[in-house]
Structure formats: structure tokens, C-alpha cells
Amino acid sequence: MADLIGYEAFDMQGKKLGGITGFSDNTAQLLVEISGGLLVPFIKPVLVKIDEAQKKVILDWSED
């Protein structure tokens, strides 16, 4: 997971959520920390794609 720090996170519509700054575990699941204080579950229904070539992660997530 540490190799994803620095990647950019985007939602399904292509909106940039921020940069990945770290990971934390809340005992129920792993969370990805995104710049600006956003915490998103790092689980299969939310994690859509990791694009290593472009250093970005696509998440099924909305800030609304």
C-alpha cells in the first residue's frame, strides 16, 4: 500500500479528490487518507482501479 502514497485519487466522473497521503486501519477496514482530510474505505466496491502508469487511483466515491 505504501507505494500508492503520492498517487492522485479520482472519482468515477474524473473529478480529482486529492493526493493519497497515507493509510489507516479502523479495525473494520483499511482507509485511504486523501489530502484535505478525506478518509475513504479502501475496499473492493469503492476501489475501482489502480493505474500504475499514470499514478492514479479511481474510486467509486462522492464527496457529497
C-alpha atoms as a PDB file:
ATOM      1  CA  MET A   1       0.000   0.000   0.000  1.00  0.00           C
ATOM      2  CA  ALA A   2       2.818   2.414   0.769  1.00  0.00           C
ATOM      3  CA  ASP A   3       3.736   2.511  -2.920  1.00  0.00           C
ATOM      4  CA  LEU A   4       0.394   4.271  -3.603  1.00  0.00           C
ATOM      5  CA  ILE A   5       1.325   7.275  -1.446  1.00  0.00           C
ATOM      6  CA  GLY A   6       1.687  10.202  -3.822  1.00  0.00           C
ATOM      7  CA  TYR A   7      -0.808   8.829  -6.345  1.00  0.00           C
ATOM      8  CA  GLU A   8      -3.771  11.048  -7.243  1.00  0.00           C
ATOM      9  CA  ALA A   9      -7.293   9.854  -6.383  1.00  0.00           C
ATOM     10  CA  PHE A  10     -10.235  10.488  -8.724  1.00  0.00           C
ATOM     11  CA  ASP A  11     -13.947   9.698  -8.522  1.00  0.00           C
ATOM     12  CA  MET A  12     -15.839   7.814 -11.251  1.00  0.00           C
ATOM     13  CA  GLN A  13     -16.635  11.063 -13.081  1.00  0.00           C
ATOM     14  CA  GLY A  14     -12.947  12.014 -13.290  1.00  0.00           C
ATOM     15  CA  LYS A  15     -13.060  14.646 -10.545  1.00  0.00           C
ATOM     16  CA  LYS A  16      -9.819  14.840  -8.604  1.00  0.00           C
ATOM     17  CA  LEU A  17     -10.361  14.034  -4.924  1.00  0.00           C
ATOM     18  CA  GLY A  18      -6.747  14.760  -3.932  1.00  0.00           C
ATOM     19  CA  GLY A  19      -3.439  13.063  -3.387  1.00  0.00           C
ATOM     20  CA  ILE A  20      -3.055   9.885  -1.378  1.00  0.00           C
ATOM     21  CA  THR A  21      -1.168  10.764   1.788  1.00  0.00           C
ATOM     22  CA  GLY A  22      -1.375   7.514   3.728  1.00  0.00           C
ATOM     23  CA  PHE A  23      -3.431   4.630   5.039  1.00  0.00           C
ATOM     24  CA  SER A  24      -5.014   3.854   8.394  1.00  0.00           C
ATOM     25  CA  ASP A  25      -6.883   0.914   9.862  1.00  0.00           C
ATOM     26  CA  ASN A  26     -10.095   1.493  11.795  1.00  0.00           C
ATOM     27  CA  THR A  27     -10.323  -2.224  12.772  1.00  0.00           C
ATOM     28  CA  ALA A  28     -13.288  -2.729  10.409  1.00  0.00           C
ATOM     29  CA  GLN A  29     -11.397  -1.898   7.216  1.00  0.00           C
ATOM     30  CA  LEU A  30      -8.402  -0.193   5.711  1.00  0.00           C
ATOM     31  CA  LEU A  31      -8.885   3.520   4.956  1.00  0.00           C
ATOM     32  CA  VAL A  32      -7.035   5.572   2.366  1.00  0.00           C
ATOM     33  CA  GLU A  33      -6.139   9.084   3.533  1.00  0.00           C
ATOM     34  CA  ILE A  34      -6.572  11.719   0.843  1.00  0.00           C
ATOM     35  CA  SER A  35      -5.222  15.265   1.115  1.00  0.00           C
ATOM     36  CA  GLY A  36      -7.749  17.641   2.637  1.00  0.00           C
ATOM     37  CA  GLY A  37      -8.705  15.196   5.387  1.00  0.00           C
ATOM     38  CA  LEU A  38     -10.837  12.810   3.321  1.00  0.00           C
ATOM     39  CA  LEU A  39     -10.888   9.183   4.552  1.00  0.00           C
ATOM     40  CA  VAL A  40     -12.244   6.599   2.121  1.00  0.00           C
ATOM     41  CA  PRO A  41     -12.666   2.849   2.696  1.00  0.00           C
ATOM     42  CA  PHE A  42     -10.038   1.021   0.656  1.00  0.00           C
ATOM     43  CA  ILE A  43     -12.237  -1.952  -0.199  1.00  0.00           C
ATOM     44  CA  LYS A  44     -13.259  -3.604  -3.450  1.00  0.00           C
ATOM     45  CA  PRO A  45     -16.666  -1.944  -4.028  1.00  0.00           C
ATOM     46  CA  VAL A  46     -15.035   1.502  -3.599  1.00  0.00           C
ATOM     47  CA  LEU A  47     -11.670   0.785  -5.217  1.00  0.00           C
ATOM     48  CA  VAL A  48     -12.338   0.620  -8.943  1.00  0.00           C
ATOM     49  CA  LYS A  49      -8.874   0.787 -10.498  1.00  0.00           C
ATOM     50  CA  ILE A  50      -5.225   1.396  -9.726  1.00  0.00           C
ATOM     51  CA  ASP A  51      -3.423   2.873 -12.737  1.00  0.00           C
ATOM     52  CA  GLU A  52       0.277   2.468 -12.030  1.00  0.00           C
ATOM     53  CA  ALA A  53       1.339   4.027 -15.340  1.00  0.00           C
ATOM     54  CA  GLN A  54      -0.477   7.300 -14.607  1.00  0.00           C
ATOM     55  CA  LYS A  55      -0.058   7.045 -10.818  1.00  0.00           C
ATOM     56  CA  LYS A  56      -3.750   7.418 -10.111  1.00  0.00           C
ATOM     57  CA  VAL A  57      -6.492   5.565  -8.291  1.00  0.00           C
ATOM     58  CA  ILE A  58     -10.142   5.548  -9.369  1.00  0.00           C
ATOM     59  CA  LEU A  59     -12.670   5.354  -6.524  1.00  0.00           C
ATOM     60  CA  ASP A  60     -16.435   4.904  -6.578  1.00  0.00           C
ATOM     61  CA  TRP A  61     -16.853   7.761  -4.112  1.00  0.00           C
ATOM     62  CA  SER A  62     -18.643  11.091  -3.925  1.00  0.00           C
ATOM     63  CA  GLU A  63     -17.779  13.946  -1.568  1.00  0.00           C
ATOM     64  CA  ASP A  64     -21.448  14.979  -1.460  1.00  0.00           C
END
